[in-house]
mmCIF file of all heavy atoms, coordinates in Angstrom:
data_MODEL
# 
_entry.id   MODEL 
# 
loop_
_atom_site.group_PDB 
_atom_site.id 
_atom_site.type_symbol 
_atom_site.label_atom_id 
_atom_site.label_alt_id 
_atom_site.label_comp_id 
_atom_site.label_asym_id 
_atom_site.label_entity_id 
_atom_site.label_seq_id 
_atom_site.pdbx_PDB_ins_code 
_atom_site.Cartn_x 
_atom_site.Cartn_y 
_atom_site.Cartn_z 
_atom_site.occupancy 
_atom_site.B_iso_or_equiv 
_atom_site.pdbx_formal_charge 
_atom_site.auth_seq_id 
_atom_site.auth_comp_id 
_atom_site.auth_asym_id 
_atom_site.auth_atom_id 
_atom_site.pdbx_PDB_model_num 
ATOM 1   N N   . TYR A 1 1  ? 106.357 73.078 28.759 1.00 0.00 ? 1  TYR A N   1 
ATOM 2   C CA  . TYR A 1 1  ? 105.311 74.023 29.023 1.00 0.00 ? 1  TYR A CA  1 
ATOM 3   C C   . TYR A 1 1  ? 104.434 74.197 27.764 1.00 0.00 ? 1  TYR A C   1 
ATOM 4   O O   . TYR A 1 1  ? 103.190 74.352 27.846 1.00 0.00 ? 1  TYR A O   1 
ATOM 5   C CB  . TYR A 1 1  ? 105.966 75.480 29.333 1.00 0.00 ? 1  TYR A CB  1 
ATOM 6   C CG  . TYR A 1 1  ? 106.634 75.384 30.637 1.00 0.00 ? 1  TYR A CG  1 
ATOM 7   C CD1 . TYR A 1 1  ? 108.129 75.332 30.622 1.00 0.00 ? 1  TYR A CD1 1 
ATOM 8   C CD2 . TYR A 1 1  ? 105.993 75.497 31.885 1.00 0.00 ? 1  TYR A CD2 1 
ATOM 9   C CE1 . TYR A 1 1  ? 108.672 75.307 31.898 1.00 0.00 ? 1  TYR A CE1 1 
ATOM 10  C CE2 . TYR A 1 1  ? 106.668 75.503 33.017 1.00 0.00 ? 1  TYR A CE2 1 
ATOM 11  C CZ  . TYR A 1 1  ? 108.070 75.380 33.043 1.00 0.00 ? 1  TYR A CZ  1 
ATOM 12  O OH  . TYR A 1 1  ? 108.674 75.394 34.250 1.00 0.00 ? 1  TYR A OH  1 
ATOM 13  N N   . LEU A 1 2  ? 104.905 73.967 26.549 1.00 0.00 ? 2  LEU A N   1 
ATOM 14  C CA  . LEU A 1 2  ? 104.187 74.209 25.440 1.00 0.00 ? 2  LEU A CA  1 
ATOM 15  C C   . LEU A 1 2  ? 103.142 73.100 25.110 1.00 0.00 ? 2  LEU A C   1 
ATOM 16  O O   . LEU A 1 2  ? 102.072 73.442 24.612 1.00 0.00 ? 2  LEU A O   1 
ATOM 17  C CB  . LEU A 1 2  ? 105.089 74.276 24.131 1.00 0.00 ? 2  LEU A CB  1 
ATOM 18  C CG  . LEU A 1 2  ? 105.847 75.459 23.884 1.00 0.00 ? 2  LEU A CG  1 
ATOM 19  C CD1 . LEU A 1 2  ? 106.771 75.371 22.716 1.00 0.00 ? 2  LEU A CD1 1 
ATOM 20  C CD2 . LEU A 1 2  ? 104.984 76.695 23.846 1.00 0.00 ? 2  LEU A CD2 1 
ATOM 21  N N   . LYS A 1 3  ? 103.400 71.950 25.689 1.00 0.00 ? 3  LYS A N   1 
ATOM 22  C CA  . LYS A 1 3  ? 102.392 70.804 25.360 1.00 0.00 ? 3  LYS A CA  1 
ATOM 23  C C   . LYS A 1 3  ? 101.006 71.068 26.012 1.00 0.00 ? 3  LYS A C   1 
ATOM 24  O O   . LYS A 1 3  ? 100.001 70.926 25.272 1.00 0.00 ? 3  LYS A O   1 
ATOM 25  C CB  . LYS A 1 3  ? 102.895 69.544 26.043 1.00 0.00 ? 3  LYS A CB  1 
ATOM 26  C CG  . LYS A 1 3  ? 104.009 68.829 25.286 1.00 0.00 ? 3  LYS A CG  1 
ATOM 27  C CD  . LYS A 1 3  ? 104.490 67.608 25.970 1.00 0.00 ? 3  LYS A CD  1 
ATOM 28  C CE  . LYS A 1 3  ? 105.705 67.014 25.316 1.00 0.00 ? 3  LYS A CE  1 
ATOM 29  N NZ  . LYS A 1 3  ? 106.165 65.863 26.042 1.00 0.00 ? 3  LYS A NZ  1 
ATOM 30  N N   . SER A 1 4  ? 100.920 71.791 27.160 1.00 0.00 ? 4  SER A N   1 
ATOM 31  C CA  . SER A 1 4  ? 99.610  72.077 27.732 1.00 0.00 ? 4  SER A CA  1 
ATOM 32  C C   . SER A 1 4  ? 99.038  73.311 27.122 1.00 0.00 ? 4  SER A C   1 
ATOM 33  O O   . SER A 1 4  ? 97.784  73.559 27.312 1.00 0.00 ? 4  SER A O   1 
ATOM 34  C CB  . SER A 1 4  ? 99.897  72.338 29.189 1.00 0.00 ? 4  SER A CB  1 
ATOM 35  O OG  . SER A 1 4  ? 100.741 73.463 29.366 1.00 0.00 ? 4  SER A OG  1 
ATOM 36  N N   . LEU A 1 5  ? 99.698  74.042 26.237 1.00 0.00 ? 5  LEU A N   1 
ATOM 37  C CA  . LEU A 1 5  ? 99.236  75.230 25.721 1.00 0.00 ? 5  LEU A CA  1 
ATOM 38  C C   . LEU A 1 5  ? 98.722  75.073 24.214 1.00 0.00 ? 5  LEU A C   1 
ATOM 39  O O   . LEU A 1 5  ? 98.013  75.813 23.693 1.00 0.00 ? 5  LEU A O   1 
ATOM 40  C CB  . LEU A 1 5  ? 100.180 76.413 25.688 1.00 0.00 ? 5  LEU A CB  1 
ATOM 41  C CG  . LEU A 1 5  ? 100.836 76.730 27.082 1.00 0.00 ? 5  LEU A CG  1 
ATOM 42  C CD1 . LEU A 1 5  ? 101.858 77.779 26.890 1.00 0.00 ? 5  LEU A CD1 1 
ATOM 43  C CD2 . LEU A 1 5  ? 99.758  77.372 27.976 1.00 0.00 ? 5  LEU A CD2 1 
ATOM 44  N N   . LEU A 1 6  ? 99.100  73.892 23.641 1.00 0.00 ? 6  LEU A N   1 
ATOM 45  C CA  . LEU A 1 6  ? 98.724  73.596 22.303 1.00 0.00 ? 6  LEU A CA  1 
ATOM 46  C C   . LEU A 1 6  ? 97.225  73.427 22.103 1.00 0.00 ? 6  LEU A C   1 
ATOM 47  O O   . LEU A 1 6  ? 96.543  72.788 22.783 1.00 0.00 ? 6  LEU A O   1 
ATOM 48  C CB  . LEU A 1 6  ? 99.366  72.245 21.882 1.00 0.00 ? 6  LEU A CB  1 
ATOM 49  C CG  . LEU A 1 6  ? 99.192  71.670 20.464 1.00 0.00 ? 6  LEU A CG  1 
ATOM 50  C CD1 . LEU A 1 6  ? 99.859  72.744 19.496 1.00 0.00 ? 6  LEU A CD1 1 
ATOM 51  C CD2 . LEU A 1 6  ? 99.769  70.272 20.227 1.00 0.00 ? 6  LEU A CD2 1 
ATOM 52  N N   . ILE A 1 7  ? 96.681  74.125 21.167 1.00 0.00 ? 7  ILE A N   1 
ATOM 53  C CA  . ILE A 1 7  ? 95.302  74.176 20.875 1.00 0.00 ? 7  ILE A CA  1 
ATOM 54  C C   . ILE A 1 7  ? 94.997  73.673 19.426 1.00 0.00 ? 7  ILE A C   1 
ATOM 55  O O   . ILE A 1 7  ? 93.787  73.470 19.111 1.00 0.00 ? 7  ILE A O   1 
ATOM 56  C CB  . ILE A 1 7  ? 94.544  75.553 21.179 1.00 0.00 ? 7  ILE A CB  1 
ATOM 57  C CG1 . ILE A 1 7  ? 95.157  76.691 20.331 1.00 0.00 ? 7  ILE A CG1 1 
ATOM 58  C CG2 . ILE A 1 7  ? 94.612  75.871 22.646 1.00 0.00 ? 7  ILE A CG2 1 
ATOM 59  C CD1 . ILE A 1 7  ? 94.423  78.009 20.369 1.00 0.00 ? 7  ILE A CD1 1 
ATOM 60  N N   . GLY A 1 8  ? 95.985  73.598 18.543 1.00 0.00 ? 8  GLY A N   1 
ATOM 61  C CA  . GLY A 1 8  ? 95.700  73.167 17.210 1.00 0.00 ? 8  GLY A CA  1 
ATOM 62  C C   . GLY A 1 8  ? 96.942  73.405 16.287 1.00 0.00 ? 8  GLY A C   1 
ATOM 63  O O   . GLY A 1 8  ? 98.117  73.654 16.744 1.00 0.00 ? 8  GLY A O   1 
ATOM 64  N N   . GLU A 1 9  ? 96.640  73.096 15.030 1.00 0.00 ? 9  GLU A N   1 
ATOM 65  C CA  . GLU A 1 9  ? 97.664  73.232 14.041 1.00 0.00 ? 9  GLU A CA  1 
ATOM 66  C C   . GLU A 1 9  ? 97.182  73.858 12.837 1.00 0.00 ? 9  GLU A C   1 
ATOM 67  O O   . GLU A 1 9  ? 96.012  73.837 12.521 1.00 0.00 ? 9  GLU A O   1 
ATOM 68  C CB  . GLU A 1 9  ? 98.223  71.832 13.631 1.00 0.00 ? 9  GLU A CB  1 
ATOM 69  C CG  . GLU A 1 9  ? 99.578  71.786 13.039 1.00 0.00 ? 9  GLU A CG  1 
ATOM 70  C CD  . GLU A 1 9  ? 100.218 70.394 13.025 1.00 0.00 ? 9  GLU A CD  1 
ATOM 71  O OE1 . GLU A 1 9  ? 99.985  69.606 13.978 1.00 0.00 ? 9  GLU A OE1 1 
ATOM 72  O OE2 . GLU A 1 9  ? 100.925 70.209 12.035 1.00 0.00 ? 9  GLU A OE2 1 
ATOM 73  N N   . LEU A 1 10 ? 98.002  74.690 12.173 1.00 0.00 ? 10 LEU A N   1 
ATOM 74  C CA  . LEU A 1 10 ? 97.623  75.369 10.878 1.00 0.00 ? 10 LEU A CA  1 
ATOM 75  C C   . LEU A 1 10 ? 97.166  74.415 9.849  1.00 0.00 ? 10 LEU A C   1 
ATOM 76  O O   . LEU A 1 10 ? 97.781  73.207 9.734  1.00 0.00 ? 10 LEU A O   1 
ATOM 77  C CB  . LEU A 1 10 ? 98.704  76.306 10.429 1.00 0.00 ? 10 LEU A CB  1 
ATOM 78  C CG  . LEU A 1 10 ? 98.982  77.454 11.314 1.00 0.00 ? 10 LEU A CG  1 
ATOM 79  C CD1 . LEU A 1 10 ? 100.222 78.258 10.680 1.00 0.00 ? 10 LEU A CD1 1 
ATOM 80  C CD2 . LEU A 1 10 ? 97.829  78.350 11.602 1.00 0.00 ? 10 LEU A CD2 1 
ATOM 81  N N   . ALA A 1 11 ? 96.267  74.693 9.050  1.00 0.00 ? 11 ALA A N   1 
ATOM 82  C CA  . ALA A 1 11 ? 95.885  73.854 7.849  1.00 0.00 ? 11 ALA A CA  1 
ATOM 83  C C   . ALA A 1 11 ? 97.017  73.784 6.910  1.00 0.00 ? 11 ALA A C   1 
ATOM 84  O O   . ALA A 1 11 ? 97.883  74.837 6.796  1.00 0.00 ? 11 ALA A O   1 
ATOM 85  C CB  . ALA A 1 11 ? 94.626  74.415 7.252  1.00 0.00 ? 11 ALA A CB  1 
ATOM 86  N N   . PRO A 1 12 ? 97.266  72.675 6.212  1.00 0.00 ? 12 PRO A N   1 
ATOM 87  C CA  . PRO A 1 12 ? 98.348  72.593 5.236  1.00 0.00 ? 12 PRO A CA  1 
ATOM 88  C C   . PRO A 1 12 ? 98.531  73.628 4.177  1.00 0.00 ? 12 PRO A C   1 
ATOM 89  O O   . PRO A 1 12 ? 99.474  74.076 3.773  1.00 0.00 ? 12 PRO A O   1 
ATOM 90  C CB  . PRO A 1 12 ? 98.079  71.228 4.571  1.00 0.00 ? 12 PRO A CB  1 
ATOM 91  C CG  . PRO A 1 12 ? 97.247  70.499 5.485  1.00 0.00 ? 12 PRO A CG  1 
ATOM 92  C CD  . PRO A 1 12 ? 96.476  71.509 6.229  1.00 0.00 ? 12 PRO A CD  1 
ATOM 93  N N   . ASP A 1 13 ? 97.210  74.212 3.810  1.00 0.00 ? 13 ASP A N   1 
ATOM 94  C CA  . ASP A 1 13 ? 97.250  75.168 2.746  1.00 0.00 ? 13 ASP A CA  1 
ATOM 95  C C   . ASP A 1 13 ? 97.402  76.665 3.379  1.00 0.00 ? 13 ASP A C   1 
ATOM 96  O O   . ASP A 1 13 ? 97.516  77.644 2.601  1.00 0.00 ? 13 ASP A O   1 
ATOM 97  C CB  . ASP A 1 13 ? 95.974  75.156 1.940  1.00 0.00 ? 13 ASP A CB  1 
ATOM 98  C CG  . ASP A 1 13 ? 94.718  75.274 2.723  1.00 0.00 ? 13 ASP A CG  1 
ATOM 99  O OD1 . ASP A 1 13 ? 94.803  75.016 3.984  1.00 0.00 ? 13 ASP A OD1 1 
ATOM 100 O OD2 . ASP A 1 13 ? 93.651  75.690 2.278  1.00 0.00 ? 13 ASP A OD2 1 
ATOM 101 N N   . GLN A 1 14 ? 97.366  76.813 4.525  1.00 0.00 ? 14 GLN A N   1 
ATOM 102 C CA  . GLN A 1 14 ? 97.487  78.122 5.228  1.00 0.00 ? 14 GLN A CA  1 
ATOM 103 C C   . GLN A 1 14 ? 98.917  78.491 5.502  1.00 0.00 ? 14 GLN A C   1 
ATOM 104 O O   . GLN A 1 14 ? 99.660  77.716 6.137  1.00 0.00 ? 14 GLN A O   1 
ATOM 105 C CB  . GLN A 1 14 ? 96.694  78.133 6.625  1.00 0.00 ? 14 GLN A CB  1 
ATOM 106 C CG  . GLN A 1 14 ? 96.622  79.494 7.190  1.00 0.00 ? 14 GLN A CG  1 
ATOM 107 C CD  . GLN A 1 14 ? 95.561  79.407 8.402  1.00 0.00 ? 14 GLN A CD  1 
ATOM 108 O OE1 . GLN A 1 14 ? 95.266  78.370 8.836  1.00 0.00 ? 14 GLN A OE1 1 
ATOM 109 N NE2 . GLN A 1 14 ? 95.265  80.622 8.907  1.00 0.00 ? 14 GLN A NE2 1 
ATOM 110 N N   . PRO A 1 15 ? 99.253  79.642 4.960  1.00 0.00 ? 15 PRO A N   1 
ATOM 111 C CA  . PRO A 1 15 ? 100.668 79.993 5.322  1.00 0.00 ? 15 PRO A CA  1 
ATOM 112 C C   . PRO A 1 15 ? 100.952 80.354 6.741  1.00 0.00 ? 15 PRO A C   1 
ATOM 113 O O   . PRO A 1 15 ? 100.034 80.939 7.432  1.00 0.00 ? 15 PRO A O   1 
ATOM 114 C CB  . PRO A 1 15 ? 100.928 81.274 4.418  1.00 0.00 ? 15 PRO A CB  1 
ATOM 115 C CG  . PRO A 1 15 ? 99.559  81.820 4.199  1.00 0.00 ? 15 PRO A CG  1 
ATOM 116 C CD  . PRO A 1 15 ? 98.649  80.639 4.292  1.00 0.00 ? 15 PRO A CD  1 
ATOM 117 N N   . SER A 1 16 ? 102.147 80.111 7.307  1.00 0.00 ? 16 SER A N   1 
ATOM 118 C CA  . SER A 1 16 ? 102.330 80.422 8.708  1.00 0.00 ? 16 SER A CA  1 
ATOM 119 C C   . SER A 1 16 ? 102.916 81.818 8.835  1.00 0.00 ? 16 SER A C   1 
ATOM 120 O O   . SER A 1 16 ? 103.022 82.309 9.933  1.00 0.00 ? 16 SER A O   1 
ATOM 121 C CB  . SER A 1 16 ? 103.394 79.435 9.287  1.00 0.00 ? 16 SER A CB  1 
ATOM 122 O OG  . SER A 1 16 ? 104.595 79.480 8.545  1.00 0.00 ? 16 SER A OG  1 
ATOM 123 N N   . PHE A 1 17 ? 103.410 82.431 7.758  1.00 0.00 ? 17 PHE A N   1 
ATOM 124 C CA  . PHE A 1 17 ? 103.912 83.775 7.885  1.00 0.00 ? 17 PHE A CA  1 
ATOM 125 C C   . PHE A 1 17 ? 102.884 84.798 7.494  1.00 0.00 ? 17 PHE A C   1 
ATOM 126 O O   . PHE A 1 17 ? 101.808 84.433 6.874  1.00 0.00 ? 17 PHE A O   1 
ATOM 127 C CB  . PHE A 1 17 ? 105.145 83.894 7.013  1.00 0.00 ? 17 PHE A CB  1 
ATOM 128 C CG  . PHE A 1 17 ? 104.884 83.646 5.495  1.00 0.00 ? 17 PHE A CG  1 
ATOM 129 C CD1 . PHE A 1 17 ? 104.514 84.772 4.757  1.00 0.00 ? 17 PHE A CD1 1 
ATOM 130 C CD2 . PHE A 1 17 ? 104.914 82.391 4.946  1.00 0.00 ? 17 PHE A CD2 1 
ATOM 131 C CE1 . PHE A 1 17 ? 104.181 84.481 3.396  1.00 0.00 ? 17 PHE A CE1 1 
ATOM 132 C CE2 . PHE A 1 17 ? 104.628 82.205 3.699  1.00 0.00 ? 17 PHE A CE2 1 
ATOM 133 C CZ  . PHE A 1 17 ? 104.251 83.278 2.863  1.00 0.00 ? 17 PHE A CZ  1 
ATOM 134 N N   . GLU A 1 18 ? 103.099 86.049 7.919  1.00 0.00 ? 18 GLU A N   1 
ATOM 135 C CA  . GLU A 1 18 ? 102.122 87.029 7.551  1.00 0.00 ? 18 GLU A CA  1 
ATOM 136 C C   . GLU A 1 18 ? 102.308 87.460 6.150  1.00 0.00 ? 18 GLU A C   1 
ATOM 137 O O   . GLU A 1 18 ? 103.339 87.385 5.470  1.00 0.00 ? 18 GLU A O   1 
ATOM 138 C CB  . GLU A 1 18 ? 102.426 88.253 8.489  1.00 0.00 ? 18 GLU A CB  1 
ATOM 139 C CG  . GLU A 1 18 ? 102.109 88.062 9.956  1.00 0.00 ? 18 GLU A CG  1 
ATOM 140 C CD  . GLU A 1 18 ? 102.448 89.337 10.710 1.00 0.00 ? 18 GLU A CD  1 
ATOM 141 O OE1 . GLU A 1 18 ? 101.952 90.376 10.328 1.00 0.00 ? 18 GLU A OE1 1 
ATOM 142 O OE2 . GLU A 1 18 ? 103.123 89.187 11.689 1.00 0.00 ? 18 GLU A OE2 1 
ATOM 143 N N   . SER A 1 19 ? 101.048 87.840 5.637  1.00 0.00 ? 19 SER A N   1 
ATOM 144 C CA  . SER A 1 19 ? 101.159 88.221 4.146  1.00 0.00 ? 19 SER A CA  1 
ATOM 145 C C   . SER A 1 19 ? 101.915 89.439 3.903  1.00 0.00 ? 19 SER A C   1 
ATOM 146 O O   . SER A 1 19 ? 102.398 89.565 2.712  1.00 0.00 ? 19 SER A O   1 
ATOM 147 C CB  . SER A 1 19 ? 99.696  88.421 3.721  1.00 0.00 ? 19 SER A CB  1 
ATOM 148 O OG  . SER A 1 19 ? 99.044  89.511 4.478  1.00 0.00 ? 19 SER A OG  1 
ATOM 149 N N   . ASN A 1 20 ? 102.136 90.388 4.806  1.00 0.00 ? 20 ASN A N   1 
ATOM 150 C CA  . ASN A 1 20 ? 102.995 91.526 4.631  1.00 0.00 ? 20 ASN A CA  1 
ATOM 151 C C   . ASN A 1 20 ? 104.505 91.193 4.789  1.00 0.00 ? 20 ASN A C   1 
ATOM 152 O O   . ASN A 1 20 ? 105.298 92.192 4.421  1.00 0.00 ? 20 ASN A O   1 
ATOM 153 C CB  . ASN A 1 20 ? 102.656 92.629 5.636  1.00 0.00 ? 20 ASN A CB  1 
ATOM 154 C CG  . ASN A 1 20 ? 102.767 92.338 6.940  1.00 0.00 ? 20 ASN A CG  1 
ATOM 155 O OD1 . ASN A 1 20 ? 103.024 91.206 7.293  1.00 0.00 ? 20 ASN A OD1 1 
ATOM 156 N ND2 . ASN A 1 20 ? 102.606 93.439 7.818  1.00 0.00 ? 20 ASN A ND2 1 
ATOM 157 N N   . LYS A 1 21 ? 104.967 89.960 5.117  1.00 0.00 ? 21 LYS A N   1 
ATOM 158 C CA  . LYS A 1 21 ? 106.204 89.593 5.225  1.00 0.00 ? 21 LYS A CA  1 
ATOM 159 C C   . LYS A 1 21 ? 106.662 88.849 4.023  1.00 0.00 ? 21 LYS A C   1 
ATOM 160 O O   . LYS A 1 21 ? 105.912 87.864 3.586  1.00 0.00 ? 21 LYS A O   1 
ATOM 161 C CB  . LYS A 1 21 ? 106.541 88.825 6.497  1.00 0.00 ? 21 LYS A CB  1 
ATOM 162 C CG  . LYS A 1 21 ? 106.351 89.650 7.685  1.00 0.00 ? 21 LYS A CG  1 
ATOM 163 C CD  . LYS A 1 21 ? 106.772 88.809 9.014  1.00 0.00 ? 21 LYS A CD  1 
ATOM 164 C CE  . LYS A 1 21 ? 106.656 89.616 10.259 1.00 0.00 ? 21 LYS A CE  1 
ATOM 165 N NZ  . LYS A 1 21 ? 106.914 88.747 11.382 1.00 0.00 ? 21 LYS A NZ  1 
ATOM 166 N N   . LYS A 1 22 ? 107.697 89.062 3.466  1.00 0.00 ? 22 LYS A N   1 
ATOM 167 C CA  . LYS A 1 22 ? 108.222 88.394 2.242  1.00 0.00 ? 22 LYS A CA  1 
ATOM 168 C C   . LYS A 1 22 ? 108.743 86.945 2.731  1.00 0.00 ? 22 LYS A C   1 
ATOM 169 O O   . LYS A 1 22 ? 109.565 86.847 3.573  1.00 0.00 ? 22 LYS A O   1 
ATOM 170 C CB  . LYS A 1 22 ? 109.282 89.053 1.436  1.00 0.00 ? 22 LYS A CB  1 
ATOM 171 C CG  . LYS A 1 22 ? 108.658 90.402 0.957  1.00 0.00 ? 22 LYS A CG  1 
ATOM 172 C CD  . LYS A 1 22 ? 109.784 91.019 0.025  1.00 0.00 ? 22 LYS A CD  1 
ATOM 173 C CE  . LYS A 1 22 ? 109.273 92.254 -0.582 1.00 0.00 ? 22 LYS A CE  1 
ATOM 174 N NZ  . LYS A 1 22 ? 110.143 92.930 -1.378 1.00 0.00 ? 22 LYS A NZ  1 
ATOM 175 N N   . LYS A 1 23 ? 108.210 85.900 2.003  1.00 0.00 ? 23 LYS A N   1 
ATOM 176 C CA  . LYS A 1 23 ? 108.535 84.563 2.303  1.00 0.00 ? 23 LYS A CA  1 
ATOM 177 C C   . LYS A 1 23 ? 110.051 84.358 2.088  1.00 0.00 ? 23 LYS A C   1 
ATOM 178 O O   . LYS A 1 23 ? 110.789 83.680 2.860  1.00 0.00 ? 23 LYS A O   1 
ATOM 179 C CB  . LYS A 1 23 ? 107.748 83.637 1.595  1.00 0.00 ? 23 LYS A CB  1 
ATOM 180 C CG  . LYS A 1 23 ? 108.052 82.134 1.929  1.00 0.00 ? 23 LYS A CG  1 
ATOM 181 C CD  . LYS A 1 23 ? 107.111 81.242 1.168  1.00 0.00 ? 23 LYS A CD  1 
ATOM 182 C CE  . LYS A 1 23 ? 107.350 79.759 1.583  1.00 0.00 ? 23 LYS A CE  1 
ATOM 183 N NZ  . LYS A 1 23 ? 106.543 78.796 1.019  1.00 0.00 ? 23 LYS A NZ  1 
ATOM 184 N N   . SER A 1 24 ? 110.586 84.890 0.991  1.00 0.00 ? 24 SER A N   1 
ATOM 185 C CA  . SER A 1 24 ? 112.017 84.740 0.625  1.00 0.00 ? 24 SER A CA  1 
ATOM 186 C C   . SER A 1 24 ? 112.938 85.339 1.708  1.00 0.00 ? 24 SER A C   1 
ATOM 187 O O   . SER A 1 24 ? 113.947 84.874 2.107  1.00 0.00 ? 24 SER A O   1 
ATOM 188 C CB  . SER A 1 24 ? 112.333 85.329 -0.737 1.00 0.00 ? 24 SER A CB  1 
ATOM 189 O OG  . SER A 1 24 ? 112.094 86.773 -0.665 1.00 0.00 ? 24 SER A OG  1 
ATOM 190 N N   . LEU A 1 25 ? 112.502 86.487 2.251  1.00 0.00 ? 25 LEU A N   1 
ATOM 191 C CA  . LEU A 1 25 ? 113.255 87.112 3.375  1.00 0.00 ? 25 LEU A CA  1 
ATOM 192 C C   . LEU A 1 25 ? 113.265 86.283 4.596  1.00 0.00 ? 25 LEU A C   1 
ATOM 193 O O   . LEU A 1 25 ? 114.371 86.098 5.254  1.00 0.00 ? 25 LEU A O   1 
ATOM 194 C CB  . LEU A 1 25 ? 112.627 88.533 3.700  1.00 0.00 ? 25 LEU A CB  1 
ATOM 195 C CG  . LEU A 1 25 ? 113.327 89.327 4.709  1.00 0.00 ? 25 LEU A CG  1 
ATOM 196 C CD1 . LEU A 1 25 ? 114.763 89.685 4.280  1.00 0.00 ? 25 LEU A CD1 1 
ATOM 197 C CD2 . LEU A 1 25 ? 112.583 90.553 5.123  1.00 0.00 ? 25 LEU A CD2 1 
# 
């Protein structure tokens, strides 16, 4: 199901987590 919904990928320098969430957590 996901294949048909894919519209792109994040840039390598862009974090995938939100800035208010701690990466270590």
